[in-house]
Amino acid sequence: MSLSRLEKLQVWLFKAVMGVIFVLFRLLSPRRPDVSGKKLPPVSNPLLLVSARQLAKKIRRKEVSSVEVVQAYIDRIQEVNPLLNAVVKDRFDAALQEAAQVDKLIEEETGGEEVLEDRLPLLGVPLSVKESYALQGMPFTTGMISRRGVVATVDAPPVALLKRAGAIPLGVTNTSELCMWLESHNHLYGITNNAYDLERIPGGSSGGEASILAGAGSVIGVGSDIGGSIRIPCFFNGIFGHKTTPGVVSSENQFPPCSGRQTEYLSCGPMCRYAEDLLPVLKIMAGPNAHMLSLNTKVDLKKLRFFTIPHDGGSLMAYPVSKELMEVQRKVVERLEADLGVKVQEVRFPELRYGFQIWDTYMGLPDKDGKPPQPFPELMGEPGRPVWPLWELLKWMMGKSNHTMAAIGLALLEMIHSSKPSTFIIQQKEKLQKEMEELLGTDGVCLYPAHPRVAPKHHHPLFRPGDFAYTGIINILGLPVTQCPLGLGEEGLPLGVQVIAGKLRDHLTLEVALYLEKTFGGWRDPGAK
């Protein structure tokens, strides 16, 4: 059985609408400032090249003060943010005051380093926060002009837990409008640039986080992921990110809130330059649910079963995976087999061809009480009335809309969206779910591309929006994934791979991330000669 004629027509309409949007954008959008030839300056302060775990240890041992570390990161943000536009609101003065309090606390502590490590494992370490998370006293808009002036009055639970562990927030970072696009662009804060090439996208929706982390303006950060919003930015910017098994890390006090069945697919997790920071930051973010993930269990990589999926089998909605990305994934397979003595089995699932349609279908399903997800035009109109997508398109063509073309395009697509889910697509998802869970079990790990190509130029995803299906399908399956960098490619842009495991087996992918960092070098300074 395959797609019906109606479903094929919907695919054609989708591509046609997005093609028209892209053409309109190229013709009518204002030109961006020329950044060709510009790049980030290299990292000069050695404190910026130390993991969060090691920084915390140095601060506890008084080898360096928290004020020195925080000031080093403030200086770096001020150096690179004019090029990146990643941090949209800082709290530098408050951060320095908090760092001074940390140094005073350490001076007065009589219980020793071990007591501090147990109680405050991230004491004095800088942190960046995605602007869609509530961070008390900071903007909480998700790039919406209509929410300009909205300030968070509380901390989102993962942020509160990180602060309670001693981390010091430096500011909030840019997102796509309403966190529903793979480019971090909105009309409130503007557009964020990739740390390795300012003419390319950093991904979205956690693109501001990934950009400032890759630019060495932060060492740890927090992201959220309902279709790849942690993994795509981490891939494009050459850093590590973890999409946790859903339901472990709280998603409360984020905007926009989930509706329908979306809580089943949304995950929150850490974004880091160094793989060793993933597990401790995740353990803190998970709070009372950390025990669900077996994060204290020692992992012997030689005893795991490894699999690799080279591509989705030929989706109608996504580009084929580039030769460069397929080759680097083959290199990972070769190294695993040579270093660990394991056999990596190549597997293919025909159902992955329908990854986009599966994600799109399940994101639109009603909750257990039959209530459907909140329509996108309603979210765009918050806190007022819903927007009219066609009217917004006309306003955009006249330069009068408060919304990005990506958001307007998504609202337009909802207008042609079938209200009845496809039986065929539901069957494909259920079959894929069963096959993947049986394959992975409790000791299986699978490699899968994060995206079919390296970071594209700004706004190019408007023409190929279905490429995110490589990450989106894993959200619907509810599996944990760690995004791992694998060096730089032919154009000097980051390469990478998704490492997937069974539900609640997050500790397996985190261990593989440590191995891949050691083997392939991890994060690279984008400003290095």
Foldseek 3Di string as FASTA:
>chain_A
DDDDPVVVVLLVVLLVLLVVLLVLCVVFPDDDPDCPPPAAAFDDDCLLVDALQVVLVCCLVVVDALLVSLVSLVVLCVRCCVLFLWFQDWDSVVLNVLSVVLSVCSVPDDPGSVVLCVQQVRASAEEEEALQWADAQAQNALQAPVSPPDHHNDGALLVVLNVRSHYGYTGHTFAPRQFPAFFRAFLVRGGGAANQGRQFGLTHRSSSVLRCQLQSSHFKYKDKDQLCRFQQNCQQSQWKWKFAQQPQFDPPRGPPDWFFPSSLQMGMAMIGQALVVRLVSRCSRSPPSSVLQPQVDDDDLLPFAAEEEQFQQAAPQADAADPQQSVLVVVVQVCCCVVNVHHYHYDYANLSSCLLLLLVQRSQHGHPVRHTIDQLQCSSQPPHHGDDLVVLVVCVSVVRHSTDSVSSSVNVSVVVDDNDRDPVNVVSLVVVLVVQCVQQPLRYKYKFAQFRDHTDGPPVCSSRVSRSSSRNSVSVSSWMWMWFWQAADPVRTTHTIIMTHGHSNNSVRSVVNNVRCVVRVGRDNSNDD
